[in-house]
């Protein structure tokens, strides 16, 4: 996996987790919205072709989960990619808040 660096750009109601990859051009990001106290929604994930296959998108979701745990907020996974990763990683359930039909199998 490539070296991925992630930074947070939080601008009030909206923000992004932004990833860059050493030796590659472009940025991948997860855009989010503050919904209420202690809850954000992961709205969409974008990764340019130059970063596909580098692990940047997955690193963003891992960072999002770690940040939610560290800062005590929960995530609504509106983005299909984030929701798919949530379903694959039931150990992340504490960082998410979802309707029952979005729960991972076996949860």
PDB file of N, CA and C in Angstrom:
ATOM      1  N   UNK A   1       0.835  -1.176   0.000  1.00  0.00           N
ATOM      2  CA  UNK A   1       0.000   0.000   0.000  1.00  0.00           C
ATOM      3  C   UNK A   1       0.882   1.243   0.000  1.00  0.00           C
ATOM      4  N   UNK A   2       0.441   2.274  -0.657  1.00  0.00           N
ATOM      5  CA  UNK A   2       1.184   3.525  -0.759  1.00  0.00           C
ATOM      6  C   UNK A   2       1.076   4.329   0.536  1.00  0.00           C
ATOM      7  N   UNK A   3       2.014   5.266   0.723  1.00  0.00           N
ATOM      8  CA  UNK A   3       1.969   6.143   1.888  1.00  0.00           C
ATOM      9  C   UNK A   3       0.884   7.197   1.699  1.00  0.00           C
ATOM     10  N   UNK A   4      -0.145   7.130   2.550  1.00  0.00           N
ATOM     11  CA  UNK A   4      -1.284   8.036   2.467  1.00  0.00           C
ATOM     12  C   UNK A   4      -1.218   9.012   3.635  1.00  0.00           C
ATOM     13  N   UNK A   5      -1.382  10.296   3.325  1.00  0.00           N
ATOM     14  CA  UNK A   5      -1.440  11.339   4.346  1.00  0.00           C
ATOM     15  C   UNK A   5      -2.845  11.924   4.320  1.00  0.00           C
ATOM     16  N   UNK A   6      -3.431  12.088   5.512  1.00  0.00           N
ATOM     17  CA  UNK A   6      -4.806  12.585   5.600  1.00  0.00           C
ATOM     18  C   UNK A   6      -4.843  13.824   6.478  1.00  0.00           C
ATOM     19  N   UNK A   7      -5.639  14.793   6.022  1.00  0.00           N
ATOM     20  CA  UNK A   7      -5.849  15.999   6.829  1.00  0.00           C
ATOM     21  C   UNK A   7      -7.350  16.297   6.869  1.00  0.00           C
ATOM     22  N   UNK A   8      -7.740  17.029   7.898  1.00  0.00           N
ATOM     23  CA  UNK A   8      -9.137  17.409   8.091  1.00  0.00           C
ATOM     24  C   UNK A   8      -9.319  18.870   7.715  1.00  0.00           C
ATOM     25  N   UNK A   9     -10.328  19.151   6.903  1.00  0.00           N
ATOM     26  CA  UNK A   9     -10.715  20.511   6.546  1.00  0.00           C
ATOM     27  C   UNK A   9     -12.164  20.672   7.004  1.00  0.00           C
ATOM     28  N   UNK A  10     -12.357  21.221   8.205  1.00  0.00           N
ATOM     29  CA  UNK A  10     -13.682  21.355   8.805  1.00  0.00           C
ATOM     30  C   UNK A  10     -14.071  22.823   8.787  1.00  0.00           C
ATOM     31  N   UNK A  11     -15.110  23.134   8.022  1.00  0.00           N
ATOM     32  CA  UNK A  11     -15.490  24.536   7.827  1.00  0.00           C
ATOM     33  C   UNK A  11     -16.899  24.807   8.351  1.00  0.00           C
ATOM     34  N   UNK A  12     -17.108  24.497   9.607  1.00  0.00           N
ATOM     35  CA  UNK A  12     -18.421  24.766  10.186  1.00  0.00           C
ATOM     36  C   UNK A  12     -19.381  23.624   9.936  1.00  0.00           C
ATOM     37  N   UNK A  13     -20.411  23.852   9.121  1.00  0.00           N
ATOM     38  CA  UNK A  13     -21.415  22.808   8.860  1.00  0.00           C
ATOM     39  C   UNK A  13     -20.899  21.722   7.925  1.00  0.00           C
ATOM     40  N   UNK A  14     -19.994  22.060   7.031  1.00  0.00           N
ATOM     41  CA  UNK A  14     -19.469  21.107   6.043  1.00  0.00           C
ATOM     42  C   UNK A  14     -17.968  20.933   6.232  1.00  0.00           C
ATOM     43  N   UNK A  15     -17.459  19.832   5.719  1.00  0.00           N
ATOM     44  CA  UNK A  15     -16.027  19.612   5.786  1.00  0.00           C
ATOM     45  C   UNK A  15     -15.607  18.444   4.916  1.00  0.00           C
ATOM     46  N   UNK A  16     -14.309  18.174   4.938  1.00  0.00           N
ATOM     47  CA  UNK A  16     -13.764  17.059   4.162  1.00  0.00           C
ATOM     48  C   UNK A  16     -12.578  16.462   4.897  1.00  0.00           C
ATOM     49  N   UNK A  17     -12.436  15.153   4.765  1.00  0.00           N
ATOM     50  CA  UNK A  17     -11.195  14.454   5.086  1.00  0.00           C
ATOM     51  C   UNK A  17     -10.497  14.299   3.747  1.00  0.00           C
ATOM     52  N   UNK A  18      -9.270  14.777   3.643  1.00  0.00           N
ATOM     53  CA  UNK A  18      -8.570  14.836   2.360  1.00  0.00           C
ATOM     54  C   UNK A  18      -7.311  13.979   2.430  1.00  0.00           C
ATOM     55  N   UNK A  19      -7.138  13.106   1.445  1.00  0.00           N
ATOM     56  CA  UNK A  19      -5.978  12.217   1.391  1.00  0.00           C
ATOM     57  C   UNK A  19      -5.102  12.544   0.193  1.00  0.00           C
ATOM     58  N   UNK A  20      -3.803  12.515   0.431  1.00  0.00           N
ATOM     59  CA  UNK A  20      -2.822  12.585  -0.650  1.00  0.00           C
ATOM     60  C   UNK A  20      -1.950  11.343  -0.541  1.00  0.00           C
ATOM     61  N   UNK A  21      -1.367  10.967  -1.644  1.00  0.00           N
ATOM     62  CA  UNK A  21      -0.527   9.768  -1.694  1.00  0.00           C
ATOM     63  C   UNK A  21       0.850  10.182  -2.207  1.00  0.00           C
ATOM     64  N   UNK A  22       1.876   9.759  -1.475  1.00  0.00           N
ATOM     65  CA  UNK A  22       3.254  10.089  -1.842  1.00  0.00           C
ATOM     66  C   UNK A  22       3.539   9.655  -3.280  1.00  0.00           C
ATOM     67  N   UNK A  23       4.075  10.568  -4.070  1.00  0.00           N
ATOM     68  CA  UNK A  23       4.458  10.265  -5.445  1.00  0.00           C
ATOM     69  C   UNK A  23       3.317  10.283  -6.446  1.00  0.00           C
ATOM     70  N   UNK A  24       2.115  10.644  -6.015  1.00  0.00           N
ATOM     71  CA  UNK A  24       0.958  10.694  -6.915  1.00  0.00           C
ATOM     72  C   UNK A  24       0.333  12.079  -6.888  1.00  0.00           C
ATOM     73  N   UNK A  25      -0.227  12.485  -8.017  1.00  0.00           N
ATOM     74  CA  UNK A  25      -0.943  13.748  -8.079  1.00  0.00           C
ATOM     75  C   UNK A  25      -2.398  13.528  -7.702  1.00  0.00           C
ATOM     76  N   UNK A  26      -3.023  14.583  -7.206  1.00  0.00           N
ATOM     77  CA  UNK A  26      -4.450  14.543  -6.906  1.00  0.00           C
ATOM     78  C   UNK A  26      -4.734  14.299  -5.435  1.00  0.00           C
ATOM     79  N   UNK A  27      -5.992  14.504  -5.091  1.00  0.00           N
ATOM     80  CA  UNK A  27      -6.471  14.294  -3.733  1.00  0.00           C
ATOM     81  C   UNK A  27      -7.755  13.480  -3.771  1.00  0.00           C
ATOM     82  N   UNK A  28      -7.896  12.577  -2.809  1.00  0.00           N
ATOM     83  CA  UNK A  28      -9.147  11.868  -2.585  1.00  0.00           C
ATOM     84  C   UNK A  28      -9.771  12.504  -1.348  1.00  0.00           C
ATOM     85  N   UNK A  29     -11.101  12.416  -1.230  1.00  0.00           N
ATOM     86  CA  UNK A  29     -11.709  12.980  -0.038  1.00  0.00           C
ATOM     87  C   UNK A  29     -13.056  12.340   0.282  1.00  0.00           C
ATOM     88  N   UNK A  30     -13.414  12.448   1.556  1.00  0.00           N
ATOM     89  CA  UNK A  30     -14.770  12.165   2.027  1.00  0.00           C
ATOM     90  C   UNK A  30     -15.354  13.515   2.442  1.00  0.00           C
ATOM     91  N   UNK A  31     -16.454  13.906   1.815  1.00  0.00           N
ATOM     92  CA  UNK A  31     -17.163  15.122   2.197  1.00  0.00           C
ATOM     93  C   UNK A  31     -18.183  14.763   3.276  1.00  0.00           C
ATOM     94  N   UNK A  32     -18.297  15.646   4.278  1.00  0.00           N
ATOM     95  CA  UNK A  32     -19.244  15.363   5.356  1.00  0.00           C
ATOM     96  C   UNK A  32     -20.019  16.618   5.731  1.00  0.00           C
ATOM     97  N   UNK A  33     -21.120  16.389   6.455  1.00  0.00           N
ATOM     98  CA  UNK A  33     -21.967  17.460   6.959  1.00  0.00           C
ATOM     99  C   UNK A  33     -22.230  17.216   8.437  1.00  0.00           C
ATOM    100  N   UNK A  34     -22.110  18.274   9.243  1.00  0.00           N
ATOM    101  CA  UNK A  34     -22.512  18.182  10.650  1.00  0.00           C
ATOM    102  C   UNK A  34     -24.036  18.203  10.676  1.00  0.00           C
ATOM    103  N   UNK A  35     -24.647  17.144  11.200  1.00  0.00           N
ATOM    104  CA  UNK A  35     -26.110  17.013  11.213  1.00  0.00           C
ATOM    105  C   UNK A  35     -26.731  17.531  12.501  1.00  0.00           C
ATOM    106  N   UNK A  36     -26.130  17.183  13.606  1.00  0.00           N
ATOM    107  CA  UNK A  36     -26.582  17.615  14.927  1.00  0.00           C
ATOM    108  C   UNK A  36     -25.415  17.404  15.870  1.00  0.00           C
ATOM    109  N   UNK A  37     -25.572  17.807  17.095  1.00  0.00           N
ATOM    110  CA  UNK A  37     -24.495  17.636  18.068  1.00  0.00           C
ATOM    111  C   UNK A  37     -24.088  16.160  18.127  1.00  0.00           C
ATOM    112  N   UNK A  38     -22.815  15.899  17.841  1.00  0.00           N
ATOM    113  CA  UNK A  38     -22.290  14.545  17.942  1.00  0.00           C
ATOM    114  C   UNK A  38     -22.590  13.624  16.773  1.00  0.00           C
ATOM    115  N   UNK A  39     -23.111  14.173  15.665  1.00  0.00           N
ATOM    116  CA  UNK A  39     -23.443  13.343  14.496  1.00  0.00           C
ATOM    117  C   UNK A  39     -23.042  14.073  13.215  1.00  0.00           C
ATOM    118  N   UNK A  40     -22.293  13.368  12.359  1.00  0.00           N
ATOM    119  CA  UNK A  40     -22.015  13.867  11.010  1.00  0.00           C
ATOM    120  C   UNK A  40     -22.494  12.830  10.006  1.00  0.00           C
ATOM    121  N   UNK A  41     -22.704  13.264   8.786  1.00  0.00           N
ATOM    122  CA  UNK A  41     -22.980  12.308   7.702  1.00  0.00           C
ATOM    123  C   UNK A  41     -21.786  12.299   6.767  1.00  0.00           C
ATOM    124  N   UNK A  42     -21.362  11.112   6.369  1.00  0.00           N
ATOM    125  CA  UNK A  42     -20.355  10.956   5.319  1.00  0.00           C
ATOM    126  C   UNK A  42     -21.136  10.972   4.008  1.00  0.00           C
ATOM    127  N   UNK A  43     -21.051  12.074   3.278  1.00  0.00           N
ATOM    128  CA  UNK A  43     -21.933  12.308   2.138  1.00  0.00           C
ATOM    129  C   UNK A  43     -21.456  11.662   0.842  1.00  0.00           C
ATOM    130  N   UNK A  44     -20.189  11.784   0.536  1.00  0.00           N
ATOM    131  CA  UNK A  44     -19.649  11.119  -0.647  1.00  0.00           C
ATOM    132  C   UNK A  44     -18.130  11.033  -0.560  1.00  0.00           C
ATOM    133  N   UNK A  45     -17.611  10.047  -1.275  1.00  0.00           N
ATOM    134  CA  UNK A  45     -16.169   9.821  -1.349  1.00  0.00           C
ATOM    135  C   UNK A  45     -15.759   9.972  -2.809  1.00  0.00           C
ATOM    136  N   UNK A  46     -14.717  10.746  -3.032  1.00  0.00           N
ATOM    137  CA  UNK A  46     -14.203  10.984  -4.384  1.00  0.00           C
ATOM    138  C   UNK A  46     -12.730  10.613  -4.408  1.00  0.00           C
ATOM    139  N   UNK A  47     -12.347   9.822  -5.393  1.00  0.00           N
ATOM    140  CA  UNK A  47     -10.936   9.499  -5.609  1.00  0.00           C
ATOM    141  C   UNK A  47     -10.653   9.638  -7.105  1.00  0.00           C
ATOM    142  N   UNK A  48      -9.730  10.512  -7.476  1.00  0.00           N
ATOM    143  CA  UNK A  48      -9.419  10.673  -8.896  1.00  0.00           C
ATOM    144  C   UNK A  48      -8.720   9.421  -9.432  1.00  0.00           C
ATOM    145  N   UNK A  49      -8.728   9.273 -10.738  1.00  0.00           N
ATOM    146  CA  UNK A  49      -8.077   8.121 -11.371  1.00  0.00           C
ATOM    147  C   UNK A  49      -6.625   7.977 -10.938  1.00  0.00           C
ATOM    148  N   UNK A  50      -5.959   9.099 -10.706  1.00  0.00           N
ATOM    149  CA  UNK A  50      -4.540   9.052 -10.337  1.00  0.00           C
ATOM    150  C   UNK A  50      -4.311   8.366  -8.991  1.00  0.00           C
ATOM    151  N   UNK A  51      -5.350   8.245  -8.159  1.00  0.00           N
ATOM    152  CA  UNK A  51      -5.203   7.616  -6.840  1.00  0.00           C
ATOM    153  C   UNK A  51      -5.913   6.275  -6.726  1.00  0.00           C
ATOM    154  N   UNK A  52      -6.569   5.845  -7.776  1.00  0.00           N
ATOM    155  CA  UNK A  52      -7.255   4.553  -7.733  1.00  0.00           C
ATOM    156  C   UNK A  52      -6.231   3.443  -7.521  1.00  0.00           C
ATOM    157  N   UNK A  53      -6.577   2.504  -6.648  1.00  0.00           N
ATOM    158  CA  UNK A  53      -5.698   1.375  -6.366  1.00  0.00           C
ATOM    159  C   UNK A  53      -4.607   1.657  -5.348  1.00  0.00           C
ATOM    160  N   UNK A  54      -4.598   2.856  -4.770  1.00  0.00           N
ATOM    161  CA  UNK A  54      -3.559   3.207  -3.794  1.00  0.00           C
ATOM    162  C   UNK A  54      -3.986   2.937  -2.361  1.00  0.00           C
ATOM    163  N   UNK A  55      -5.271   2.661  -2.142  1.00  0.00           N
ATOM    164  CA  UNK A  55      -5.777   2.482  -0.784  1.00  0.00           C
ATOM    165  C   UNK A  55      -6.196   3.781  -0.127  1.00  0.00           C
ATOM    166  N   UNK A  56      -6.171   4.880  -0.880  1.00  0.00           N
ATOM    167  CA  UNK A  56      -6.496   6.184  -0.300  1.00  0.00           C
ATOM    168  C   UNK A  56      -7.933   6.242   0.204  1.00  0.00           C
ATOM    169  N   UNK A  57      -8.889   5.724  -0.553  1.00  0.00           N
ATOM    170  CA  UNK A  57     -10.299   5.789  -0.139  1.00  0.00           C
ATOM    171  C   UNK A  57     -10.521   4.992   1.146  1.00  0.00           C
ATOM    172  N   UNK A  58      -9.954   3.799   1.224  1.00  0.00           N
ATOM    173  CA  UNK A  58     -10.108   3.001   2.439  1.00  0.00           C
ATOM    174  C   UNK A  58      -9.414   3.673   3.617  1.00  0.00           C
ATOM    175  N   UNK A  59      -8.254   4.249   3.388  1.00  0.00           N
ATOM    176  CA  UNK A  59      -7.540   4.964   4.456  1.00  0.00           C
ATOM    177  C   UNK A  59      -8.385   6.116   4.979  1.00  0.00           C
ATOM    178  N   UNK A  60      -9.122   6.781   4.109  1.00  0.00           N
ATOM    179  CA  UNK A  60     -10.009   7.852   4.537  1.00  0.00           C
ATOM    180  C   UNK A  60     -11.094   7.334   5.479  1.00  0.00           C
ATOM    181  N   UNK A  61     -11.680   6.197   5.152  1.00  0.00           N
ATOM    182  CA  UNK A  61     -12.735   5.638   6.013  1.00  0.00           C
ATOM    183  C   UNK A  61     -12.142   5.212   7.352  1.00  0.00           C
ATOM    184  N   UNK A  62     -10.977   4.580   7.325  1.00  0.00           N
ATOM    185  CA  UNK A  62     -10.320   4.208   8.589  1.00  0.00           C
ATOM    186  C   UNK A  62     -10.058   5.447   9.449  1.00  0.00           C
ATOM    187  N   UNK A  63      -9.604   6.517   8.826  1.00  0.00           N
ATOM    188  CA  UNK A  63      -9.324   7.765   9.546  1.00  0.00           C
ATOM    189  C   UNK A  63     -10.615   8.352  10.110  1.00  0.00           C
ATOM    190  N   UNK A  64     -11.674   8.338   9.318  1.00  0.00           N
ATOM    191  CA  UNK A  64     -12.981   8.823   9.754  1.00  0.00           C
ATOM    192  C   UNK A  64     -13.433   8.070  11.006  1.00  0.00           C
ATOM    193  N   UNK A  65     -13.317   6.748  10.992  1.00  0.00           N
ATOM    194  CA  UNK A  65     -13.717   5.925  12.139  1.00  0.00           C
ATOM    195  C   UNK A  65     -12.860   6.273  13.362  1.00  0.00           C
ATOM    196  N   UNK A  66     -11.555   6.367  13.171  1.00  0.00           N
ATOM    197  CA  UNK A  66     -10.662   6.698  14.286  1.00  0.00           C
ATOM    198  C   UNK A  66     -10.975   8.084  14.842  1.00  0.00           C
ATOM    199  N   UNK A  67     -11.262   9.037  13.966  1.00  0.00           N
ATOM    200  CA  UNK A  67     -11.581  10.390  14.402  1.00  0.00           C
ATOM    201  C   UNK A  67     -12.902  10.417  15.161  1.00  0.00           C
ATOM    202  N   UNK A  68     -13.892   9.688  14.679  1.00  0.00           N
ATOM    203  CA  UNK A  68     -15.184   9.614  15.369  1.00  0.00           C
ATOM    204  C   UNK A  68     -15.003   9.059  16.779  1.00  0.00           C
ATOM    205  N   UNK A  69     -14.229   8.018  16.897  1.00  0.00           N
ATOM    206  CA  UNK A  69     -13.977   7.432  18.216  1.00  0.00           C
ATOM    207  C   UNK A  69     -13.218   8.404  19.112  1.00  0.00           C
ATOM    208  N   UNK A  70     -12.204   9.049  18.582  1.00  0.00           N
ATOM    209  CA  UNK A  70     -11.363   9.942  19.381  1.00  0.00           C
ATOM    210  C   UNK A  70     -12.120  11.190  19.833  1.00  0.00           C
ATOM    211  N   UNK A  71     -12.986  11.709  18.954  1.00  0.00           N
ATOM    212  CA  UNK A  71     -13.669  12.967  19.276  1.00  0.00           C
ATOM    213  C   UNK A  71     -15.104  12.773  19.740  1.00  0.00           C
ATOM    214  N   UNK A  72     -15.556  11.511  19.778  1.00  0.00           N
ATOM    215  CA  UNK A  72     -16.858  11.202  20.346  1.00  0.00           C
ATOM    216  C   UNK A  72     -18.063  11.578  19.519  1.00  0.00           C
ATOM    217  N   UNK A  73     -17.972  11.454  18.213  1.00  0.00           N
ATOM    218  CA  UNK A  73     -19.146  11.659  17.379  1.00  0.00           C
ATOM    219  C   UNK A  73     -19.467  10.367  16.637  1.00  0.00           C
ATOM    220  N   UNK A  74     -20.641  10.315  16.022  1.00  0.00           N
ATOM    221  CA  UNK A  74     -21.051   9.141  15.249  1.00  0.00           C
ATOM    222  C   UNK A  74     -21.313   9.572  13.814  1.00  0.00           C
ATOM    223  N   UNK A  75     -21.237   8.604  12.915  1.00  0.00           N
ATOM    224  CA  UNK A  75     -21.299   8.869  11.472  1.00  0.00           C
ATOM    225  C   UNK A  75     -22.507   8.182  10.857  1.00  0.00           C
ATOM    226  N   UNK A  76     -23.263   8.929  10.073  1.00  0.00           N
ATOM    227  CA  UNK A  76     -24.314   8.362   9.221  1.00  0.00           C
ATOM    228  C   UNK A  76     -23.658   8.102   7.860  1.00  0.00           C
ATOM    229  N   UNK A  77     -23.559   6.848   7.420  1.00  0.00           N
ATOM    230  CA  UNK A  77     -22.866   6.556   6.158  1.00  0.00           C
ATOM    231  C   UNK A  77     -23.775   6.691   4.935  1.00  0.00           C
ATOM    232  N   UNK A  78     -24.027   7.918   4.517  1.00  0.00           N
ATOM    233  CA  UNK A  78     -24.854   8.161   3.331  1.00  0.00           C
ATOM    234  C   UNK A  78     -24.115   7.726   2.063  1.00  0.00           C
ATOM    235  N   UNK A  79     -22.833   7.990   1.999  1.00  0.00           N
ATOM    236  CA  UNK A  79     -22.011   7.612   0.841  1.00  0.00           C
ATOM    237  C   UNK A  79     -22.027   6.096   0.652  1.00  0.00           C
ATOM    238  N   UNK A  80     -22.296   5.612  -0.558  1.00  0.00           N
ATOM    239  CA  UNK A  80     -22.315   4.163  -0.792  1.00  0.00           C
ATOM    240  C   UNK A  80     -20.987   3.475  -0.458  1.00  0.00           C
ATOM    241  N   UNK A  81     -19.870   4.128  -0.717  1.00  0.00           N
ATOM    242  CA  UNK A  81     -18.579   3.503  -0.412  1.00  0.00           C
ATOM    243  C   UNK A  81     -18.385   3.371   1.097  1.00  0.00           C
ATOM    244  N   UNK A  82     -18.670   4.430   1.832  1.00  0.00           N
ATOM    245  CA  UNK A  82     -18.533   4.376   3.290  1.00  0.00           C
ATOM    246  C   UNK A  82     -19.491   3.343   3.862  1.00  0.00           C
ATOM    247  N   UNK A  83     -20.723   3.306   3.356  1.00  0.00           N
ATOM    248  CA  UNK A  83     -21.701   2.325   3.828  1.00  0.00           C
ATOM    249  C   UNK A  83     -21.226   0.898   3.541  1.00  0.00           C
ATOM    250  N   UNK A  84     -20.653   0.667   2.374  1.00  0.00           N
ATOM    251  CA  UNK A  84     -20.145  -0.673   2.036  1.00  0.00           C
ATOM    252  C   UNK A  84     -19.014  -1.078   2.979  1.00  0.00           C
ATOM    253  N   UNK A  85     -18.123  -0.142   3.298  1.00  0.00           N
ATOM    254  CA  UNK A  85     -17.030  -0.462   4.226  1.00  0.00           C
ATOM    255  C   UNK A  85     -17.566  -0.712   5.635  1.00  0.00           C
ATOM    256  N   UNK A  86     -18.560   0.055   6.044  1.00  0.00           N
ATOM    257  CA  UNK A  86     -19.203  -0.161   7.344  1.00  0.00           C
ATOM    258  C   UNK A  86     -19.770  -1.581   7.413  1.00  0.00           C
ATOM    259  N   UNK A  87     -20.436  -2.010   6.361  1.00  0.00           N
ATOM    260  CA  UNK A  87     -21.033  -3.354   6.346  1.00  0.00           C
ATOM    261  C   UNK A  87     -19.969  -4.449   6.388  1.00  0.00           C
ATOM    262  N   UNK A  88     -18.797  -4.181   5.820  1.00  0.00           N
ATOM    263  CA  UNK A  88     -17.707  -5.166   5.836  1.00  0.00           C
ATOM    264  C   UNK A  88     -16.964  -5.194   7.162  1.00  0.00           C
ATOM    265  N   UNK A  89     -17.139  -4.159   7.978  1.00  0.00           N
ATOM    266  CA  UNK A  89     -16.370  -4.030   9.220  1.00  0.00           C
ATOM    267  C   UNK A  89     -17.300  -3.804  10.410  1.00  0.00           C
ATOM    268  N   UNK A  90     -17.969  -4.868  10.871  1.00  0.00           N
ATOM    269  CA  UNK A  90     -18.892  -4.709  11.999  1.00  0.00           C
ATOM    270  C   UNK A  90     -18.201  -4.210  13.267  1.00  0.00           C
ATOM    271  N   UNK A  91     -16.891  -4.353  13.342  1.00  0.00           N
ATOM    272  CA  UNK A  91     -16.154  -3.851  14.506  1.00  0.00           C
ATOM    273  C   UNK A  91     -16.157  -2.320  14.566  1.00  0.00           C
ATOM    274  N   UNK A  92     -16.606  -1.672  13.521  1.00  0.00           N
ATOM    275  CA  UNK A  92     -16.704  -0.215  13.484  1.00  0.00           C
ATOM    276  C   UNK A  92     -18.075   0.287  13.936  1.00  0.00           C
ATOM    277  N   UNK A  93     -18.979  -0.592  14.307  1.00  0.00           N
ATOM    278  CA  UNK A  93     -20.363  -0.214  14.605  1.00  0.00           C
ATOM    279  C   UNK A  93     -20.466   0.907  15.634  1.00  0.00           C
ATOM    280  N   UNK A  94     -19.549   0.960  16.586  1.00  0.00           N
ATOM    281  CA  UNK A  94     -19.603   1.997  17.623  1.00  0.00           C
ATOM    282  C   UNK A  94     -19.414   3.405  17.067  1.00  0.00           C
ATOM    283  N   UNK A  95     -18.849   3.528  15.888  1.00  0.00           N
ATOM    284  CA  UNK A  95     -18.582   4.837  15.293  1.00  0.00           C
ATOM    285  C   UNK A  95     -19.706   5.301  14.363  1.00  0.00           C
ATOM    286  N   UNK A  96     -20.695   4.440  14.139  1.00  0.00           N
ATOM    287  CA  UNK A  96     -21.751   4.738  13.178  1.00  0.00           C
ATOM    288  C   UNK A  96     -23.120   4.768  13.837  1.00  0.00           C
ATOM    289  N   UNK A  97     -24.032   5.456  13.205  1.00  0.00           N
ATOM    290  CA  UNK A  97     -25.442   5.408  13.561  1.00  0.00           C
ATOM    291  C   UNK A  97     -26.207   5.227  12.250  1.00  0.00           C
ATOM    292  N   UNK A  98     -26.988   4.147  12.185  1.00  0.00           N
ATOM    293  CA  UNK A  98     -27.644   3.794  10.926  1.00  0.00           C
ATOM    294  C   UNK A  98     -29.045   3.262  11.181  1.00  0.00           C
ATOM    295  N   UNK A  99     -29.917   3.358  10.157  1.00  0.00           N
ATOM    296  CA  UNK A  99     -31.208   2.691  10.269  1.00  0.00           C
ATOM    297  C   UNK A  99     -31.007   1.172  10.282  1.00  0.00           C
ATOM    298  N   UNK A 100     -31.911   0.422  10.871  1.00  0.00           N
ATOM    299  CA  UNK A 100     -31.731  -1.034  10.981  1.00  0.00           C
ATOM    300  C   UNK A 100     -31.450  -1.741   9.662  1.00  0.00           C
ATOM    301  N   UNK A 101     -32.042  -1.269   8.561  1.00  0.00           N
ATOM    302  CA  UNK A 101     -31.841  -1.959   7.279  1.00  0.00           C
ATOM    303  C   UNK A 101     -30.416  -1.777   6.739  1.00  0.00           C
ATOM    304  N   UNK A 102     -29.635  -0.888   7.313  1.00  0.00           N
ATOM    305  CA  UNK A 102     -28.252  -0.692   6.885  1.00  0.00           C
ATOM    306  C   UNK A 102     -27.278  -1.476   7.727  1.00  0.00           C
ATOM    307  N   UNK A 103     -27.752  -2.169   8.750  1.00  0.00           N
ATOM    308  CA  UNK A 103     -26.876  -2.922   9.641  1.00  0.00           C
ATOM    309  C   UNK A 103     -26.144  -4.021   8.862  1.00  0.00           C
ATOM    310  N   UNK A 104     -24.895  -4.318   9.246  1.00  0.00           N
ATOM    311  CA  UNK A 104     -24.177  -5.426   8.605  1.00  0.00           C
ATOM    312  C   UNK A 104     -24.863  -6.731   8.925  1.00  0.00           C
ATOM    313  N   UNK A 105     -24.715  -7.703   8.035  1.00  0.00           N
ATOM    314  CA  UNK A 105     -25.270  -9.027   8.298  1.00  0.00           C
ATOM    315  C   UNK A 105     -24.642  -9.604   9.554  1.00  0.00           C
ATOM    316  N   UNK A 106     -25.465 -10.202  10.383  1.00  0.00           N
ATOM    317  CA  UNK A 106     -24.969 -10.818  11.604  1.00  0.00           C
ATOM    318  C   UNK A 106     -24.825  -9.854  12.766  1.00  0.00           C
ATOM    319  N   UNK A 107     -25.214  -8.588  12.552  1.00  0.00           N
ATOM    320  CA  UNK A 107     -25.089  -7.605  13.653  1.00  0.00           C
ATOM    321  C   UNK A 107     -26.208  -7.767  14.653  1.00  0.00           C
TER     322      UNK A 107
END
